Amino acid sequence: MALDIIKDIVEAEARADEMIKNAEAQAASLKSEAEKKGEAIIAEALQKSKADLNEISKTAIEESKAETDKIAKQAETDCGKVRQEASAKMDRAVEAVIGKVVGINGNS
């Protein structure tokens, strides 16, 4: 009778050990699965952030294009005015240089 009780206790302990091992394995599996899901969520968030950043940048560039075109046109107009003014003053500048080098009466 005592032998049967001891045998039952040993079997119960063996079953308990097996249940603990199974629970530990299941916990490790769940942990690994959760880590993989977490990494996938982070990777997806990073990819979405990059896509959003690219879209925002593209929109900003498109929105600023009109203003940059306006500035470029104004710069081109201003440069044209400076060229015209320089061209108009060129004859007087050449005459002044010739006058200084050659002399007022044409004597060097």
Protein backbone atom coordinates (compact mmCIF):
# COMPACT_ATOMS: atom_id res chain seq x y z
CA MET A 1 0.00 0.00 0.00
CA ALA A 2 2.75 2.48 0.93
CA LEU A 3 4.57 1.43 -2.22
CA ASP A 4 1.53 2.33 -4.31
CA ILE A 5 1.30 5.76 -2.64
CA ILE A 6 5.00 6.44 -3.28
CA LYS A 7 4.56 5.28 -6.87
CA ASP A 8 1.58 7.65 -7.32
CA ILE A 9 3.57 10.53 -5.84
CA VAL A 10 6.52 9.86 -8.17
CA GLU A 11 4.16 9.70 -11.16
CA ALA A 12 2.43 12.95 -10.08
CA GLU A 13 5.82 14.65 -9.75
CA ALA A 14 6.82 13.40 -13.19
CA ARG A 15 3.56 14.74 -14.68
CA ALA A 16 4.09 18.06 -12.88
CA ASP A 17 7.67 18.26 -14.25
CA GLU A 18 6.36 17.50 -17.75
CA MET A 19 3.67 20.19 -17.40
CA ILE A 20 6.29 22.72 -16.28
CA LYS A 21 8.54 21.83 -19.24
CA ASN A 22 5.60 22.18 -21.63
CA ALA A 23 4.62 25.52 -20.08
CA GLU A 24 8.20 26.79 -20.33
CA ALA A 25 8.44 25.71 -23.97
CA GLN A 26 5.10 27.34 -24.74
CA ALA A 27 6.20 30.55 -22.98
CA ALA A 28 9.45 30.60 -24.98
CA SER A 29 7.51 30.07 -28.18
CA LEU A 30 5.07 32.88 -27.33
CA LYS A 31 7.96 35.19 -26.44
CA SER A 32 9.73 34.45 -29.72
CA GLU A 33 6.53 34.99 -31.68
CA ALA A 34 5.86 38.29 -29.87
CA GLU A 35 9.41 39.48 -30.61
CA LYS A 36 8.99 38.66 -34.29
CA LYS A 37 5.66 40.49 -34.41
CA GLY A 38 7.22 43.46 -32.62
CA GLU A 39 10.10 43.59 -35.10
CA ALA A 40 7.63 43.38 -37.98
CA ILE A 41 5.56 46.23 -36.53
CA ILE A 42 8.68 48.37 -36.10
CA ALA A 43 9.87 47.61 -39.64
CA GLU A 44 6.44 48.47 -41.04
CA ALA A 45 6.33 51.71 -39.05
CA LEU A 46 9.80 52.67 -40.32
CA GLN A 47 8.80 51.92 -43.90
CA LYS A 48 5.61 53.96 -43.53
CA SER A 49 7.55 56.83 -41.98
CA LYS A 50 10.00 56.84 -44.89
CA ALA A 51 7.14 56.77 -47.38
CA ASP A 52 5.38 59.60 -45.55
CA LEU A 53 8.60 61.63 -45.43
CA ASN A 54 9.15 61.11 -49.16
CA GLU A 55 5.59 62.21 -49.89
CA ILE A 56 5.92 65.29 -47.67
CA SER A 57 9.21 66.20 -49.35
CA LYS A 58 7.70 65.74 -52.80
CA THR A 59 4.73 67.92 -51.89
CA ALA A 60 7.00 70.62 -50.44
CA ILE A 61 9.13 70.64 -53.58
CA GLU A 62 6.06 70.89 -55.81
CA GLU A 63 4.61 73.69 -53.68
CA SER A 64 7.88 75.65 -53.73
CA LYS A 65 8.38 75.24 -57.49
CA ALA A 66 6.10 78.15 -58.37
CA GLU A 67 7.95 80.43 -55.97
CA THR A 68 11.39 79.35 -57.23
CA ASP A 69 10.25 79.88 -60.82
CA LYS A 70 9.04 83.36 -59.88
CA ILE A 71 12.38 84.16 -58.22
CA ALA A 72 14.32 82.82 -61.22
CA LYS A 73 12.28 84.93 -63.63
CA GLN A 74 12.80 88.03 -61.49
CA ALA A 75 16.56 87.32 -61.36
CA GLU A 76 16.62 86.93 -65.14
CA THR A 77 14.78 90.24 -65.55
CA ASP A 78 17.14 91.99 -63.13
CA CYS A 79 20.20 90.58 -64.93
CA GLY A 80 18.79 91.79 -68.25
CA LYS A 81 18.38 95.29 -66.83
CA VAL A 82 21.95 95.25 -65.52
CA ARG A 83 23.19 94.11 -68.94
CA GLN A 84 21.30 96.92 -70.66
CA GLU A 85 22.63 99.50 -68.22
CA ALA A 86 26.17 98.17 -68.61
CA SER A 87 25.85 98.20 -72.39
CA ALA A 88 24.59 101.77 -72.32
CA LYS A 89 27.50 102.86 -70.14
CA MET A 90 30.08 100.90 -72.12
CA ASP A 91 30.54 103.56 -74.82
CA ARG A 92 31.13 106.27 -72.22
CA ALA A 93 33.52 104.01 -70.30
CA VAL A 94 35.51 103.24 -73.45
CA GLU A 95 35.71 106.94 -74.30
CA ALA A 96 36.87 107.74 -70.78
CA VAL A 97 39.59 105.08 -70.86
CA ILE A 98 40.76 106.18 -74.31
CA GLY A 99 40.76 109.79 -73.11
CA LYS A 100 42.93 108.89 -70.11
CA VAL A 101 45.33 106.72 -72.09
CA VAL A 102 45.61 108.69 -75.30
CA GLY A 103 44.91 112.11 -73.85
CA ILE A 104 42.25 114.66 -74.43
CA ASN A 105 43.81 116.06 -77.60
CA GLY A 106 44.85 112.67 -78.92
CA ASN A 107 48.38 113.06 -77.60
CA SER A 108 49.74 110.22 -75.59
